[in-house]
C-alpha atoms as a PDB file:
ATOM      1  CA  MET A   1     146.117  63.378  74.266  1.00  0.00           C
ATOM      2  CA  ALA A   2     146.921  64.789  78.082  1.00  0.00           C
ATOM      3  CA  GLU A   3     145.307  68.198  76.932  1.00  0.00           C
ATOM      4  CA  GLU A   4     142.275  67.344  75.517  1.00  0.00           C
ATOM      5  CA  MET A   5     141.348  65.227  78.929  1.00  0.00           C
ATOM      6  CA  LYS A   6     141.866  68.356  80.792  1.00  0.00           C
ATOM      7  CA  SER A   7     138.859  70.314  82.011  1.00  0.00           C
ATOM      8  CA  PRO A   8     137.903  73.369  80.315  1.00  0.00           C
ATOM      9  CA  ASN A   9     137.774  75.538  83.691  1.00  0.00           C
ATOM     10  CA  GLN A  10     140.867  74.987  84.599  1.00  0.00           C
ATOM     11  CA  ASN A  11     141.651  78.264  86.269  1.00  0.00           C
ATOM     12  CA  GLN A  12     138.249  77.790  88.762  1.00  0.00           C
ATOM     13  CA  PRO A  13     139.351  76.336  91.949  1.00  0.00           C
ATOM     14  CA  VAL A  14     136.740  72.842  92.604  1.00  0.00           C
ATOM     15  CA  GLY A  15     136.050  74.469  95.375  1.00  0.00           C
ATOM     16  CA  ASP A  16     133.939  76.996  93.997  1.00  0.00           C
ATOM     17  CA  VAL A  17     132.073  74.754  91.452  1.00  0.00           C
ATOM     18  CA  VAL A  18     131.100  72.450  94.805  1.00  0.00           C
ATOM     19  CA  LYS A  19     129.941  75.609  96.507  1.00  0.00           C
ATOM     20  CA  GLY A  20     128.584  77.060  93.175  1.00  0.00           C
ATOM     21  CA  ASP A  21     126.264  73.888  93.285  1.00  0.00           C
ATOM     22  CA  PHE A  22     125.473  73.594  96.510  1.00  0.00           C
ATOM     23  CA  ALA A  23     124.363  76.639  96.972  1.00  0.00           C
ATOM     24  CA  THR A  24     122.243  75.933  93.462  1.00  0.00           C
ATOM     25  CA  ILE A  25     120.638  72.965  95.408  1.00  0.00           C
ATOM     26  CA  LEU A  26     119.868  75.000  98.423  1.00  0.00           C
ATOM     27  CA  VAL A  27     118.152  77.981  96.657  1.00  0.00           C
ATOM     28  CA  GLY A  28     116.233  74.809  94.453  1.00  0.00           C
ATOM     29  CA  LEU A  29     115.219  73.155  97.856  1.00  0.00           C
ATOM     30  CA  GLY A  30     113.978  76.584  99.366  1.00  0.00           C
ATOM     31  CA  THR A  31     112.003  77.598  96.053  1.00  0.00           C
ATOM     32  CA  MET A  32     110.448  74.094  96.580  1.00  0.00           C
ATOM     33  CA  LEU A  33     109.723  74.505 100.036  1.00  0.00           C
ATOM     34  CA  ASP A  34     107.978  77.642  99.560  1.00  0.00           C
ATOM     35  CA  GLY A  35     105.983  76.292  96.828  1.00  0.00           C
ATOM     36  CA  ALA A  36     104.233  74.006  99.009  1.00  0.00           C
ATOM     37  CA  LEU A  37     104.331  75.933 102.359  1.00  0.00           C
ATOM     38  CA  THR A  38     102.684  78.799 100.938  1.00  0.00           C
ATOM     39  CA  PRO A  39      99.649  77.064  99.935  1.00  0.00           C
ATOM     40  CA  LEU A  40      99.425  74.423 103.287  1.00  0.00           C
ATOM     41  CA  SER A  41      99.610  77.835 105.491  1.00  0.00           C
ATOM     42  CA  LYS A  42      96.663  79.156 104.024  1.00  0.00           C
ATOM     43  CA  VAL A  43      94.929  76.224 104.409  1.00  0.00           C
ATOM     44  CA  VAL A  44      95.864  76.334 107.853  1.00  0.00           C
ATOM     45  CA  ALA A  45      94.998  79.698 108.292  1.00  0.00           C
ATOM     46  CA  SER A  46      91.651  79.094 106.947  1.00  0.00           C
ATOM     47  CA  ALA A  47      91.389  76.403 109.370  1.00  0.00           C
ATOM     48  CA  LEU A  48      91.728  78.351 112.018  1.00  0.00           C
ATOM     49  CA  ASP A  49      89.495  81.081 111.311  1.00  0.00           C
ATOM     50  CA  SER A  50      86.811  78.497 110.907  1.00  0.00           C
ATOM     51  CA  MET A  51      87.947  76.876 114.209  1.00  0.00           C
ATOM     52  CA  THR A  52      87.837  80.562 115.474  1.00  0.00           C
ATOM     53  CA  VAL A  53      83.588  80.978 114.787  1.00  0.00           C
ATOM     54  CA  VAL A  54      82.584  78.117 115.544  1.00  0.00           C
ATOM     55  CA  ALA A  55      84.101  78.281 119.090  1.00  0.00           C
ATOM     56  CA  HIS A  56      82.559  81.550 119.478  1.00  0.00           C
ATOM     57  CA  GLN A  57      79.467  80.206 118.420  1.00  0.00           C
ATOM     58  CA  ILE A  58      79.697  77.459 120.951  1.00  0.00           C
ATOM     59  CA  LEU A  59      80.487  79.887 123.593  1.00  0.00           C
ATOM     60  CA  ASN A  60      77.572  82.352 122.518  1.00  0.00           C
ATOM     61  CA  GLY A  61      75.368  78.781 122.860  1.00  0.00           C
ATOM     62  CA  ILE A  62      76.797  78.422 126.580  1.00  0.00           C
ATOM     63  CA  SER A  63      76.859  81.780 127.711  1.00  0.00           C
ATOM     64  CA  ASN A  64      72.661  82.143 126.593  1.00  0.00           C
ATOM     65  CA  SER A  65      72.216  78.548 128.142  1.00  0.00           C
ATOM     66  CA  ILE A  66      73.484  79.566 131.257  1.00  0.00           C
ATOM     67  CA  ASP A  67      71.440  83.365 130.990  1.00  0.00           C
ATOM     68  CA  ASN A  68      68.344  81.059 130.521  1.00  0.00           C
ATOM     69  CA  LYS A  69      68.612  79.096 133.398  1.00  0.00           C
ATOM     70  CA  GLN A  70      69.570  82.174 135.918  1.00  0.00           C
ATOM     71  CA  GLN A  71      65.880  84.224 134.729  1.00  0.00           C
END
C-alpha cells in the first residue's frame, strides 16, 4: 500500500518541480503582459503622433498671428 502512494517522479527533486512551475508561471505572465501592452503601446504612439500634429498646427497659427500683427 505504501508503494502505491509514492509519487511517479521519485528521482526528480522537489525543488526542480517548483522551479519548473515558477518558470512556467513567469513565462505565462510575460506572454499575457506582452499581449496586453502591445496594443496599448500602439494606442499611446498614435495619440502622441496626433498630439504632435495638433501642437504643430497651434504653433503655426501663433506664428502666423504674430507675423500678421507685425506687418
